[in-house]
Amino acid sequence: MPSWIYALLVAFKMNKTNTRHLTILSYLLFFALVSTNAIGSSSGLPQLGDATSAIISPEKERSLGKAWLRQLRAQAPTIADPLLTSYMEHLVYLLASNSELTEPKIELVILNSSQINAFAVPGGIIGLNAGLLLYARSEDELAAVIAHELAHLSQRHFARGLDFSQRSSWTNLAALLASVAIMATAGGEAGIAALATTQAAAIDQQLKFSRHNEREADRIGVQTLSRSGLSPHAMPNFFEQLLKSTRYSGDHPPGFLLTHPVTQERISDARNRVQHLPSKPHSQNLDFFLMKMRTNVEYARDKVSLIKELTDNLARNSTSNTEVTRYALANALQETNRFDDALTNIDMLLKKRPENLIYLTTKAEILNDAGRYTETQQLTELALKITPDNFPLSLAYAEALVRNKQPQKAAIILKRQITNKPDTPYLWYKLSEAYGKIGDIAGVHESRAEYLFQAGRTSKALEQIRYAIAASKENFVQQSKLKKRMQEIKDSRKDLNL
């Protein structure tokens, strides 16, 4: 039995009292066994021909990556926070545009996990744990991790891995899905056991090749940082900080170290690469520190105590950045339903920076939570005149419209966003809500189908498509469109096949 499947069995045993995790692990174990059976059978291997044609096409990588992402969403909790997503996407695309990717089409997924980890999946999928924001001391360090993952994509390490060892590469991809999902859902000993065993198996199979890939990703990632105007020294600094953290983590090192083994030799190599590059000060991008604080508030266990600490720090002026501290306080007050106090603090920030999009969006979110939808509309309509179609502002605006009995306008806003982000489950979910308020039954089922499909629940998506077809029986054009979409969703079940 492959060691990574054994890890799933260990995790299964550890979670036998947790029904939700048991269901997830059952699915993953089934997925793992099916994948292994397909790989273990000579007839199940793709006919890739000679060494040149053995490298998988970029188109196949893309469909494979999208299918993998849908499976991940079905198993692991993700974050749909528009502000956090927007910030991360801007940083990813800044780096991607300065990377060696010829077509930087990136799909970002943020996992709802406080652990430190990141991964790249063929086809332009970048996964980041929210824990990276908690841990990174500067935007440059966060960017160093992203630049490293982008290098894995630009150098097509998965495709080269297939060429190097067809079986182990595909096995490792299936195992990565399983282990990442366990880390994000089960956590603790079960998740670490699964991921550690998975990666140990992968490293054992392709140690030399993997080390070469990591060094290559470091080298190219450093170049990407430099071209993006960020400090290349952040790469070795981040690795060194991670390595130091293992002294206090015992048998539970950060997930990033399990998937990207860091040694003192690797740190020295990274330092040698950057020593001749121009020294740049670390980025002081306010957005990074605001999103770091927003994430800290989200993961704070005792928000009442956090509010007291932040309030005391502001009163004593004992914080190095009162602006960031006040933003954290506004978020924490919002989380505890103290909306008037939250608005007082966010208005103080807006007085200093009246056009700051993070502050404007946060105020709109607070107003929505307080049930002051007309005020949200006034605020967002004015702001959207300055930055049309801004993603976080548009979603806050659409939310206010739906709640303020104007779902038709909300649907227009949401469909415009979907045009730019068609694979975003959250947008389809909000659109189904708008259609429900309008009374468009076919629209409700169609948008629910898209939401369920992107969330990895294909059978349920097909069920909703059938309902949509039945609800649009008098509209031949719509029915034809829905039937075509149904076939596309059915065909997508083959996307994970090599």
Protein backbone atom coordinates (compact mmCIF):
# COMPACT_ATOMS: atom_id res chain seq x y z
CA MET A 1 0.00 0.00 0.00
CA PRO A 2 1.42 3.43 -0.90
CA SER A 3 2.46 5.36 2.21
CA TRP A 4 0.24 8.36 1.41
CA ILE A 5 -2.86 6.15 1.41
CA TYR A 6 -1.67 4.80 4.74
CA ALA A 7 -1.63 8.41 5.95
CA LEU A 8 -5.27 8.76 4.98
CA LEU A 9 -6.10 5.64 6.96
CA VAL A 10 -4.26 7.08 9.97
CA ALA A 11 -6.21 10.33 9.63
CA PHE A 12 -9.42 8.33 9.21
CA LYS A 13 -8.76 6.53 12.48
CA MET A 14 -7.87 9.74 14.33
CA ASN A 15 -11.16 11.36 13.31
CA LYS A 16 -13.54 8.47 13.86
CA THR A 17 -15.51 10.47 16.42
CA ASN A 18 -15.94 13.50 14.15
CA THR A 19 -18.76 12.90 11.66
CA ARG A 20 -17.90 15.78 9.33
CA HIS A 21 -14.23 14.86 9.11
CA LEU A 22 -15.14 11.19 8.77
CA THR A 23 -17.23 12.00 5.68
CA ILE A 24 -14.44 14.08 4.17
CA LEU A 25 -11.81 11.42 4.86
CA SER A 26 -14.05 8.69 3.44
CA TYR A 27 -14.33 10.64 0.20
CA LEU A 28 -10.61 11.30 0.04
CA LEU A 29 -9.76 7.68 0.76
CA PHE A 30 -12.06 6.62 -2.07
CA PHE A 31 -10.48 9.24 -4.36
CA ALA A 32 -7.01 8.03 -3.41
CA LEU A 33 -7.80 4.36 -4.04
CA VAL A 34 -9.44 5.09 -7.40
CA SER A 35 -6.47 7.21 -8.45
CA THR A 36 -4.02 4.52 -7.41
CA ASN A 37 -5.93 1.79 -9.20
CA ALA A 38 -5.97 3.86 -12.38
CA ILE A 39 -2.26 4.55 -12.08
CA GLY A 40 -1.35 1.01 -11.12
CA SER A 41 -3.00 -0.43 -14.21
CA SER A 42 -0.95 -0.34 -17.38
CA SER A 43 -4.08 0.30 -19.40
CA GLY A 44 -4.91 3.28 -17.16
CA LEU A 45 -1.74 5.17 -18.01
CA PRO A 46 -1.97 7.83 -20.73
CA GLN A 47 -0.30 6.95 -24.02
CA LEU A 48 2.17 9.80 -24.07
CA GLY A 49 4.55 8.45 -26.70
CA ASP A 50 8.18 9.49 -26.73
CA ALA A 51 9.93 11.79 -24.25
CA THR A 52 9.03 14.95 -26.16
CA SER A 53 5.30 14.25 -26.40
CA ALA A 54 5.26 13.01 -22.82
CA ILE A 55 4.96 16.58 -21.56
CA ILE A 56 1.30 17.39 -21.00
CA SER A 57 -0.18 20.24 -23.03
CA PRO A 58 -0.87 23.60 -21.35
CA GLU A 59 -4.57 23.21 -22.27
CA LYS A 60 -4.76 19.88 -20.48
CA GLU A 61 -2.90 21.32 -17.51
CA ARG A 62 -5.52 24.09 -17.35
CA SER A 63 -8.51 21.75 -17.35
CA LEU A 64 -6.74 19.47 -14.89
CA GLY A 65 -6.01 22.38 -12.54
CA LYS A 66 -9.57 23.70 -12.67
CA ALA A 67 -10.95 20.23 -11.92
CA TRP A 68 -8.49 19.84 -9.05
CA LEU A 69 -9.57 23.22 -7.66
CA ARG A 70 -13.23 22.24 -7.76
CA GLN A 71 -12.40 19.07 -5.83
CA LEU A 72 -10.45 21.07 -3.27
CA ARG A 73 -13.35 23.49 -2.75
CA ALA A 74 -15.61 20.53 -2.08
CA GLN A 75 -13.37 19.32 0.73
CA ALA A 76 -11.52 22.26 2.27
CA PRO A 77 -12.92 25.51 3.70
CA THR A 78 -11.99 28.53 1.60
CA ILE A 79 -12.24 32.29 2.18
CA ALA A 80 -14.52 34.43 0.02
CA ASP A 81 -13.75 37.77 1.73
CA PRO A 82 -13.83 40.23 -1.23
CA LEU A 83 -11.31 42.64 0.31
CA LEU A 84 -8.78 39.95 1.16
CA THR A 85 -9.28 38.26 -2.21
CA SER A 86 -8.85 41.54 -4.08
CA TYR A 87 -5.63 42.39 -2.22
CA MET A 88 -4.14 38.94 -2.78
CA GLU A 89 -5.11 38.91 -6.46
CA HIS A 90 -3.48 42.31 -7.06
CA LEU A 91 -0.26 41.07 -5.47
CA VAL A 92 -0.36 37.79 -7.41
CA TYR A 93 -0.88 39.57 -10.72
CA LEU A 94 1.85 42.12 -10.01
CA LEU A 95 4.25 39.23 -9.54
CA ALA A 96 2.83 37.15 -12.40
CA SER A 97 3.25 40.02 -14.85
CA ASN A 98 6.93 40.16 -13.87
CA SER A 99 7.44 36.40 -13.85
CA GLU A 100 8.43 34.02 -16.65
CA LEU A 101 4.83 33.01 -17.29
CA THR A 102 4.01 33.71 -20.93
CA GLU A 103 0.26 33.91 -20.21
CA PRO A 104 -0.21 34.83 -16.55
CA LYS A 105 -3.76 33.51 -16.14
CA ILE A 106 -3.87 32.70 -12.45
CA GLU A 107 -6.71 31.25 -10.39
CA LEU A 108 -6.27 32.09 -6.71
CA VAL A 109 -7.78 30.15 -3.83
CA ILE A 110 -7.35 31.25 -0.20
CA LEU A 111 -7.73 28.44 2.32
CA ASN A 112 -9.36 29.18 5.65
CA SER A 113 -6.44 27.92 7.68
CA SER A 114 -4.16 29.70 10.13
CA GLN A 115 -1.30 27.35 9.24
CA ILE A 116 1.57 28.50 7.02
CA ASN A 117 1.34 26.94 3.58
CA ALA A 118 1.10 27.60 -0.14
CA PHE A 119 1.00 25.43 -3.22
CA ALA A 120 0.89 25.60 -7.01
CA VAL A 121 -1.18 23.25 -9.15
CA PRO A 122 -0.78 22.83 -12.93
CA GLY A 123 -2.92 25.09 -15.03
CA GLY A 124 -2.26 28.31 -13.11
CA ILE A 125 -3.76 27.47 -9.71
CA ILE A 126 -2.16 29.18 -6.71
CA GLY A 127 -3.29 28.22 -3.21
CA LEU A 128 -2.46 30.36 -0.18
CA ASN A 129 -3.34 29.71 3.43
CA ALA A 130 -4.62 32.73 5.33
CA GLY A 131 -1.92 31.86 7.88
CA LEU A 132 0.68 33.33 5.53
CA LEU A 133 -0.72 36.80 6.26
CA LEU A 134 -0.57 36.11 9.98
CA TYR A 135 3.06 35.05 9.76
CA ALA A 136 4.64 37.29 7.08
CA ARG A 137 6.32 40.35 8.56
CA SER A 138 6.20 42.36 5.35
CA GLU A 139 4.53 42.32 1.96
CA ASP A 140 7.89 41.30 0.51
CA GLU A 141 7.89 38.06 2.53
CA LEU A 142 4.36 37.23 1.44
CA ALA A 143 5.36 38.04 -2.14
CA ALA A 144 8.43 35.77 -1.83
CA VAL A 145 6.18 32.76 -1.24
CA ILE A 146 3.92 33.68 -4.16
CA ALA A 147 6.89 34.30 -6.46
CA HIS A 148 8.25 30.88 -5.58
CA GLU A 149 4.92 29.21 -6.44
CA LEU A 150 4.65 31.16 -9.70
CA ALA A 151 8.08 29.84 -10.65
CA HIS A 152 6.82 26.27 -10.24
CA LEU A 153 4.08 27.16 -12.75
CA SER A 154 6.27 29.02 -15.23
CA GLN A 155 8.80 26.17 -15.32
CA ARG A 156 5.95 23.64 -15.66
CA HIS A 157 7.41 21.41 -12.98
CA PHE A 158 4.35 19.16 -13.07
CA ALA A 159 4.74 18.51 -16.80
CA ARG A 160 8.46 17.93 -16.38
CA GLY A 161 7.64 15.66 -13.48
CA LEU A 162 5.47 13.58 -15.78
CA ASP A 163 8.36 13.34 -18.19
CA PHE A 164 10.67 12.39 -15.32
CA SER A 165 8.35 9.86 -13.71
CA GLN A 166 4.83 9.55 -15.05
CA ARG A 167 3.36 7.50 -12.27
CA SER A 168 4.74 9.25 -9.21
CA SER A 169 3.88 12.76 -10.42
CA TRP A 170 0.21 12.00 -10.93
CA THR A 171 0.08 10.02 -7.70
CA ASN A 172 1.59 12.97 -5.87
CA LEU A 173 -0.96 15.38 -7.38
CA ALA A 174 -3.84 13.20 -6.17
CA ALA A 175 -2.14 12.83 -2.79
CA LEU A 176 -1.60 16.58 -2.52
CA LEU A 177 -5.33 17.16 -2.90
CA ALA A 178 -6.02 14.69 -0.14
CA SER A 179 -3.36 15.96 2.24
CA VAL A 180 -4.10 19.68 1.75
CA ALA A 181 -7.80 19.05 2.33
CA ILE A 182 -7.08 17.10 5.52
CA MET A 183 -4.78 19.86 6.76
CA ALA A 184 -7.49 22.45 6.14
CA THR A 185 -10.37 20.47 7.63
CA ALA A 186 -9.11 17.97 10.17
CA GLY A 187 -6.01 19.92 11.18
CA GLY A 188 -3.96 18.88 14.18
CA GLU A 189 -2.20 15.53 14.28
CA ALA A 190 -4.36 13.94 11.58
CA GLY A 191 -3.67 16.63 9.01
CA ILE A 192 0.03 16.83 9.78
CA ALA A 193 0.38 13.04 9.69
CA ALA A 194 -1.30 12.89 6.29
CA LEU A 195 0.70 15.74 4.77
CA ALA A 196 4.01 14.66 6.27
CA THR A 197 3.63 11.08 5.06
CA THR A 198 2.45 12.22 1.63
CA GLN A 199 5.39 14.54 1.15
CA ALA A 200 7.84 12.03 2.57
CA ALA A 201 6.69 9.55 -0.07
CA ALA A 202 6.96 12.15 -2.82
CA ILE A 203 10.44 13.23 -1.73
CA ASP A 204 11.55 9.62 -1.43
CA GLN A 205 10.41 8.94 -5.01
CA GLN A 206 11.86 12.08 -6.62
CA LEU A 207 14.30 13.56 -4.15
CA LYS A 208 16.89 14.72 -6.64
CA PHE A 209 14.30 16.07 -9.07
CA SER A 210 12.33 17.80 -6.30
CA ARG A 211 15.39 19.51 -4.88
CA HIS A 212 16.28 20.79 -8.32
CA ASN A 213 12.75 22.16 -8.74
CA GLU A 214 12.85 23.95 -5.39
CA ARG A 215 16.22 25.55 -6.13
CA GLU A 216 15.03 26.58 -9.58
CA ALA A 217 11.82 28.07 -8.11
CA ASP A 218 13.92 30.00 -5.56
CA ARG A 219 16.20 31.39 -8.28
CA ILE A 220 13.39 32.46 -10.59
CA GLY A 221 11.27 33.70 -7.68
CA VAL A 222 14.10 36.04 -6.62
CA GLN A 223 14.20 37.50 -10.13
CA THR A 224 10.43 37.99 -10.08
CA LEU A 225 10.62 39.86 -6.79
CA SER A 226 13.34 42.16 -8.09
CA ARG A 227 11.47 42.91 -11.32
CA SER A 228 8.31 43.65 -9.30
CA GLY A 229 10.06 46.32 -7.25
CA LEU A 230 10.06 44.20 -4.08
CA SER A 231 13.00 43.13 -1.98
CA PRO A 232 14.60 39.87 -3.23
CA HIS A 233 16.22 39.53 0.20
CA ALA A 234 12.77 38.62 1.53
CA MET A 235 13.16 35.10 0.08
CA PRO A 236 16.08 33.94 2.29
CA ASN A 237 14.74 36.01 5.20
CA PHE A 238 11.41 34.22 5.09
CA PHE A 239 13.04 30.79 4.80
CA GLU A 240 15.35 31.54 7.71
CA GLN A 241 12.45 32.68 9.88
CA LEU A 242 10.57 29.50 9.01
CA LEU A 243 13.54 27.33 9.85
CA LYS A 244 13.92 29.07 13.21
CA SER A 245 10.26 28.45 13.96
CA THR A 246 10.83 24.67 13.80
CA ARG A 247 12.82 24.90 17.01
CA TYR A 248 9.59 25.60 18.86
CA SER A 249 7.20 23.49 16.81
CA GLY A 250 8.44 20.08 17.94
CA ASP A 251 6.96 17.35 15.75
CA HIS A 252 4.52 19.78 14.10
CA PRO A 253 6.49 22.06 11.78
CA PRO A 254 4.68 24.52 9.48
CA GLY A 255 3.00 22.84 6.51
CA PHE A 256 5.12 24.91 4.13
CA LEU A 257 8.25 23.16 5.42
CA LEU A 258 6.70 19.76 4.76
CA THR A 259 5.83 20.60 1.17
CA HIS A 260 8.90 22.81 0.53
CA PRO A 261 11.78 21.38 2.60
CA VAL A 262 14.06 24.21 3.77
CA THR A 263 17.66 23.57 4.80
CA GLN A 264 20.47 25.87 5.84
CA GLU A 265 22.13 25.06 2.52
CA ARG A 266 19.05 26.23 0.63
CA ILE A 267 18.98 29.47 2.64
CA SER A 268 22.67 30.05 1.90
CA ASP A 269 22.03 29.45 -1.81
CA ALA A 270 19.21 32.01 -1.75
CA ARG A 271 21.42 34.55 0.06
CA ASN A 272 24.18 34.07 -2.49
CA ARG A 273 21.74 34.79 -5.31
CA VAL A 274 20.57 38.08 -3.82
CA GLN A 275 23.83 39.47 -2.47
CA HIS A 276 24.72 41.16 -5.77
CA LEU A 277 21.21 42.49 -6.36
CA PRO A 278 20.34 46.06 -5.33
CA SER A 279 19.23 46.26 -1.72
CA LYS A 280 15.67 47.56 -1.49
CA PRO A 281 13.79 48.59 1.64
CA HIS A 282 10.87 46.36 2.56
CA SER A 283 7.55 47.46 1.13
CA GLN A 284 5.48 49.60 3.50
CA ASN A 285 2.29 49.08 1.52
CA LEU A 286 -0.54 50.07 3.86
CA ASP A 287 -2.90 47.55 2.23
CA PHE A 288 -0.71 44.66 3.39
CA PHE A 289 -0.78 45.73 7.01
CA LEU A 290 -4.53 46.40 6.89
CA MET A 291 -5.21 42.93 5.46
CA LYS A 292 -2.84 41.39 7.99
CA MET A 293 -4.82 43.05 10.79
CA ARG A 294 -8.15 42.05 9.22
CA THR A 295 -6.95 38.43 9.18
CA ASN A 296 -5.69 38.67 12.77
CA VAL A 297 -9.12 39.84 13.91
CA GLU A 298 -10.81 37.02 12.01
CA TYR A 299 -8.70 34.39 13.76
CA ALA A 300 -8.77 36.00 17.23
CA ARG A 301 -10.43 33.61 19.67
CA ASP A 302 -11.54 36.27 22.18
CA LYS A 303 -12.62 39.35 20.27
CA VAL A 304 -13.86 41.15 23.40
CA SER A 305 -10.38 40.93 24.92
CA LEU A 306 -8.88 42.00 21.61
CA ILE A 307 -11.09 45.11 21.54
CA LYS A 308 -9.89 46.06 25.03
CA GLU A 309 -6.25 45.54 24.05
CA LEU A 310 -6.58 47.62 20.87
CA THR A 311 -8.51 50.37 22.67
CA ASP A 312 -5.88 50.54 25.42
CA ASN A 313 -3.06 50.70 22.87
CA LEU A 314 -4.73 53.61 21.09
CA ALA A 315 -5.42 55.41 24.36
CA ARG A 316 -1.79 55.10 25.45
CA ASN A 317 -0.56 55.76 21.91
CA SER A 318 1.63 52.70 22.47
CA THR A 319 1.31 51.26 18.99
CA SER A 320 3.77 51.91 16.17
CA ASN A 321 0.97 52.35 13.63
CA THR A 322 -2.21 53.84 15.06
CA GLU A 323 -3.94 53.78 11.67
CA VAL A 324 -3.59 50.01 11.30
CA THR A 325 -4.56 49.48 14.95
CA ARG A 326 -7.70 51.57 14.52
CA TYR A 327 -8.65 49.56 11.45
CA ALA A 328 -8.29 46.36 13.45
CA LEU A 329 -10.48 47.88 16.16
CA ALA A 330 -13.19 48.78 13.62
CA ASN A 331 -13.16 45.18 12.35
CA ALA A 332 -13.32 43.71 15.84
CA LEU A 333 -16.20 46.02 16.81
CA GLN A 334 -18.06 44.99 13.67
CA GLU A 335 -17.52 41.31 14.52
CA THR A 336 -19.10 41.86 17.93
CA ASN A 337 -22.07 43.78 16.46
CA ARG A 338 -21.00 47.14 17.92
CA PHE A 339 -21.76 48.84 14.63
CA ASP A 340 -21.97 52.47 15.82
CA ASP A 341 -18.55 52.22 17.47
CA ALA A 342 -17.14 50.50 14.39
CA LEU A 343 -18.45 53.31 12.18
CA THR A 344 -16.94 55.94 14.47
CA ASN A 345 -13.50 54.38 14.03
CA ILE A 346 -13.78 53.81 10.30
CA ASP A 347 -14.95 57.42 9.82
CA MET A 348 -11.84 58.62 11.64
CA LEU A 349 -9.76 56.68 9.12
CA LEU A 350 -11.76 58.02 6.18
CA LYS A 351 -11.23 61.56 7.40
CA LYS A 352 -7.52 61.00 6.85
CA ARG A 353 -7.89 59.01 3.58
CA PRO A 354 -11.35 59.75 2.12
CA GLU A 355 -10.74 57.76 -1.08
CA ASN A 356 -9.15 54.67 0.47
CA LEU A 357 -11.02 51.72 -1.07
CA ILE A 358 -10.43 49.39 1.87
CA TYR A 359 -11.92 51.91 4.31
CA LEU A 360 -14.84 52.67 2.00
CA THR A 361 -15.65 48.99 1.49
CA THR A 362 -15.32 48.23 5.19
CA LYS A 363 -17.71 51.06 6.01
CA ALA A 364 -20.18 49.70 3.44
CA GLU A 365 -19.94 46.24 5.02
CA ILE A 366 -20.56 47.68 8.50
CA LEU A 367 -23.56 49.65 7.25
CA ASN A 368 -24.98 46.51 5.64
CA ASP A 369 -24.54 44.53 8.86
CA ALA A 370 -26.28 47.37 10.73
CA GLY A 371 -29.23 47.25 8.30
CA ARG A 372 -28.57 50.75 6.95
CA TYR A 373 -28.84 49.75 3.29
CA THR A 374 -29.79 53.13 1.84
CA GLU A 375 -26.63 54.64 3.33
CA THR A 376 -24.60 51.78 1.84
CA GLN A 377 -26.08 52.49 -1.58
CA GLN A 378 -25.25 56.18 -1.35
CA LEU A 379 -21.69 55.44 -0.24
CA THR A 380 -20.94 52.75 -2.83
CA GLU A 381 -22.61 54.53 -5.76
CA LEU A 382 -20.42 57.56 -5.14
CA ALA A 383 -17.27 55.45 -4.73
CA LEU A 384 -18.00 53.36 -7.84
CA LYS A 385 -18.10 56.52 -9.94
CA ILE A 386 -14.41 56.91 -9.09
CA THR A 387 -13.50 53.21 -9.48
CA PRO A 388 -16.13 51.55 -11.71
CA ASP A 389 -16.67 47.81 -11.22
CA ASN A 390 -14.35 47.60 -8.22
CA PHE A 391 -14.86 44.04 -6.94
CA PRO A 392 -15.26 44.53 -3.15
CA LEU A 393 -17.29 47.74 -3.52
CA SER A 394 -19.55 46.15 -6.15
CA LEU A 395 -20.33 43.21 -3.88
CA ALA A 396 -21.15 45.50 -0.95
CA TYR A 397 -23.38 47.51 -3.29
CA ALA A 398 -25.14 44.39 -4.61
CA GLU A 399 -25.70 43.16 -1.05
CA ALA A 400 -27.36 46.44 -0.11
CA LEU A 401 -29.54 46.35 -3.23
CA VAL A 402 -30.77 42.82 -2.53
CA ARG A 403 -31.56 43.64 1.09
CA ASN A 404 -33.15 46.95 0.13
CA LYS A 405 -35.64 45.26 -2.25
CA GLN A 406 -33.84 46.19 -5.48
CA PRO A 407 -32.73 42.71 -6.65
CA GLN A 408 -32.94 43.54 -10.38
CA LYS A 409 -30.17 46.14 -10.04
CA ALA A 410 -28.18 43.73 -7.86
CA ALA A 411 -28.39 41.01 -10.52
CA ILE A 412 -26.97 43.41 -13.14
CA ILE A 413 -24.03 44.26 -10.85
CA LEU A 414 -23.34 40.60 -10.04
CA LYS A 415 -23.53 39.43 -13.67
CA ARG A 416 -21.01 42.11 -14.60
CA GLN A 417 -18.63 40.75 -11.95
CA ILE A 418 -19.24 37.17 -13.11
CA THR A 419 -18.14 38.17 -16.61
CA ASN A 420 -14.70 38.92 -15.12
CA LYS A 421 -14.69 36.07 -12.58
CA PRO A 422 -16.84 33.24 -13.99
CA ASP A 423 -15.27 30.55 -11.78
CA THR A 424 -16.00 32.27 -8.46
CA PRO A 425 -18.57 30.25 -6.47
CA TYR A 426 -19.47 33.14 -4.14
CA LEU A 427 -20.65 35.34 -7.02
CA TRP A 428 -22.99 32.66 -8.35
CA TYR A 429 -24.35 32.10 -4.85
CA LYS A 430 -25.17 35.80 -4.43
CA LEU A 431 -26.72 35.89 -7.91
CA SER A 432 -29.04 33.01 -6.98
CA GLU A 433 -30.18 35.07 -3.98
CA ALA A 434 -30.95 38.04 -6.23
CA TYR A 435 -32.90 35.85 -8.67
CA GLY A 436 -34.85 34.43 -5.73
CA LYS A 437 -35.94 37.93 -4.72
CA ILE A 438 -36.90 38.70 -8.32
CA GLY A 439 -38.91 35.50 -8.62
CA ASP A 440 -36.91 34.17 -11.59
CA ILE A 441 -37.10 30.42 -10.84
CA ALA A 442 -35.04 29.34 -13.86
CA GLY A 443 -32.40 31.92 -12.96
CA VAL A 444 -32.25 30.66 -9.37
CA HIS A 445 -31.63 27.07 -10.47
CA GLU A 446 -29.12 28.01 -13.18
CA SER A 447 -27.02 30.16 -10.85
CA ARG A 448 -27.23 27.54 -8.09
CA ALA A 449 -26.00 24.97 -10.59
CA GLU A 450 -22.97 27.11 -11.42
CA TYR A 451 -22.28 27.69 -7.72
CA LEU A 452 -22.47 23.97 -6.95
CA PHE A 453 -20.33 23.05 -9.96
CA GLN A 454 -17.55 25.49 -9.01
CA ALA A 455 -17.79 24.20 -5.43
CA GLY A 456 -17.07 20.66 -6.64
CA ARG A 457 -20.59 19.25 -6.21
CA THR A 458 -21.19 18.10 -9.77
CA SER A 459 -24.18 15.78 -9.17
CA LYS A 460 -26.06 18.51 -7.32
CA ALA A 461 -25.18 20.99 -10.07
CA LEU A 462 -26.67 18.71 -12.72
CA GLU A 463 -29.80 18.36 -10.62
CA GLN A 464 -30.19 22.15 -10.52
CA ILE A 465 -29.65 22.38 -14.29
CA ARG A 466 -32.49 19.91 -14.81
CA TYR A 467 -34.74 22.09 -12.62
CA ALA A 468 -33.71 25.16 -14.65
CA ILE A 469 -34.56 23.38 -17.91
CA ALA A 470 -37.99 22.43 -16.56
CA ALA A 471 -38.60 26.01 -15.38
CA SER A 472 -37.73 27.47 -18.80
CA LYS A 473 -39.81 25.06 -20.92
CA GLU A 474 -41.44 27.93 -22.82
CA ASN A 475 -38.08 29.49 -23.76
CA PHE A 476 -36.45 27.35 -26.46
CA VAL A 477 -33.27 29.45 -26.65
CA GLN A 478 -32.73 29.27 -22.89
CA GLN A 479 -33.43 25.54 -22.84
CA SER A 480 -30.88 24.91 -25.58
CA LYS A 481 -28.28 26.91 -23.69
CA LEU A 482 -28.97 25.00 -20.47
CA LYS A 483 -28.80 21.61 -22.20
CA LYS A 484 -25.43 22.53 -23.69
CA ARG A 485 -24.20 23.58 -20.26
CA MET A 486 -25.44 20.31 -18.78
CA GLN A 487 -23.33 18.36 -21.27
CA GLU A 488 -20.28 20.52 -20.50
CA ILE A 489 -20.64 19.79 -16.79
CA LYS A 490 -21.02 16.07 -17.48
CA ASP A 491 -17.93 16.10 -19.69
CA SER A 492 -15.95 17.89 -16.95
CA ARG A 493 -15.94 14.64 -14.97
CA LYS A 494 -13.17 13.48 -17.31
CA ASP A 495 -10.96 16.49 -16.61
CA LEU A 496 -9.01 14.72 -13.88
CA ASN A 497 -8.05 11.93 -16.28
CA LEU A 498 -4.61 12.13 -17.82
